[in-house]
Amino acid sequence: MATLLVFFMAGSMIFDPQEDLQVLFNTDHKKVLLEADSCFNRIVIPTSHKTYEEFAKAFKSSVTLGAEGYGRC
């Protein structure tokens, strides 16, 4: 799952450790899925989940379904 997360964020399976990673939080309660901007190695995490289980489901869906062709430069 960690490899998919890197691919989701950076658009590549290889990440240069010299590059910055940005983690932002979205307080819009209508948003449930994570968003990525691979041009800037940025991930936006929604804060709308009431339980860890809700967050885990959204996280897994975002990373596995969005890892191919989503948010790429």
Protein backbone atom coordinates (compact mmCIF):
# COMPACT_ATOMS: atom_id res chain seq x y z
CA MET A 1 0.00 0.00 0.00
CA ALA A 2 2.92 2.37 0.69
CA THR A 3 4.11 2.05 -2.91
CA LEU A 4 0.64 2.93 -4.20
CA LEU A 5 0.56 5.95 -1.89
CA VAL A 6 3.87 7.21 -3.30
CA PHE A 7 2.58 6.65 -6.85
CA PHE A 8 -0.67 8.42 -5.97
CA MET A 9 1.20 11.45 -4.61
CA ALA A 10 4.18 11.65 -6.94
CA GLY A 11 2.99 10.00 -10.16
CA SER A 12 5.96 7.64 -10.06
CA MET A 13 7.02 4.56 -8.13
CA ILE A 14 10.37 6.24 -7.51
CA PHE A 15 10.50 9.30 -5.29
CA ASP A 16 13.52 11.57 -4.96
CA PRO A 17 14.13 12.00 -1.21
CA GLN A 18 15.42 15.53 -1.92
CA GLU A 19 11.94 16.61 -3.05
CA ASP A 20 9.36 18.03 -0.68
CA LEU A 21 6.12 16.31 0.22
CA GLN A 22 3.13 18.43 1.14
CA VAL A 23 0.26 17.18 3.26
CA LEU A 24 -2.80 19.42 3.39
CA PHE A 25 -6.18 18.95 5.06
CA ASN A 26 -9.54 19.70 3.48
CA THR A 27 -12.26 20.76 5.92
CA ASP A 28 -15.05 20.65 3.31
CA HIS A 29 -17.37 18.03 4.82
CA LYS A 30 -18.68 17.06 1.36
CA LYS A 31 -15.26 15.71 0.37
CA VAL A 32 -14.50 12.13 1.41
CA LEU A 33 -11.74 10.98 -0.94
CA LEU A 34 -8.10 11.96 -0.79
CA GLU A 35 -6.82 14.18 -3.58
CA ALA A 36 -3.35 14.29 -5.05
CA ASP A 37 -1.41 16.80 -7.08
CA SER A 38 1.51 14.81 -8.41
CA CYS A 39 3.11 17.86 -10.03
CA PHE A 40 3.89 19.19 -6.56
CA ASN A 41 3.96 15.91 -4.54
CA ARG A 42 0.94 17.09 -2.63
CA ILE A 43 -1.81 15.09 -0.95
CA VAL A 44 -5.01 16.59 0.42
CA ILE A 45 -6.65 14.62 3.22
CA PRO A 46 -10.32 15.22 4.00
CA THR A 47 -11.34 15.74 7.62
CA SER A 48 -14.97 14.72 7.12
CA HIS A 49 -14.71 11.15 8.39
CA LYS A 50 -16.35 10.32 11.71
CA THR A 51 -14.49 7.05 12.28
CA TYR A 52 -11.16 5.49 11.45
CA GLU A 53 -12.98 2.82 9.44
CA GLU A 54 -14.59 5.48 7.20
CA PHE A 55 -11.22 7.12 6.67
CA ALA A 56 -9.48 3.80 5.97
CA LYS A 57 -12.09 2.89 3.33
CA ALA A 58 -11.77 6.28 1.62
CA PHE A 59 -7.97 6.10 1.82
CA LYS A 60 -7.84 2.66 0.25
CA SER A 61 -10.32 3.63 -2.48
CA SER A 62 -8.46 6.84 -3.30
CA VAL A 63 -5.04 5.26 -3.49
CA THR A 64 -5.98 2.07 -5.36
CA LEU A 65 -8.51 3.54 -7.79
CA GLY A 66 -6.81 6.90 -8.22
CA ALA A 67 -3.27 5.59 -8.58
CA GLU A 68 -3.56 5.20 -12.35
CA GLY A 69 -3.94 8.33 -14.41
CA TYR A 70 -5.43 10.59 -11.73
CA GLY A 71 -3.95 14.03 -11.19
CA ARG A 72 -0.88 13.43 -13.32
CA CYS A 73 1.11 16.29 -14.89
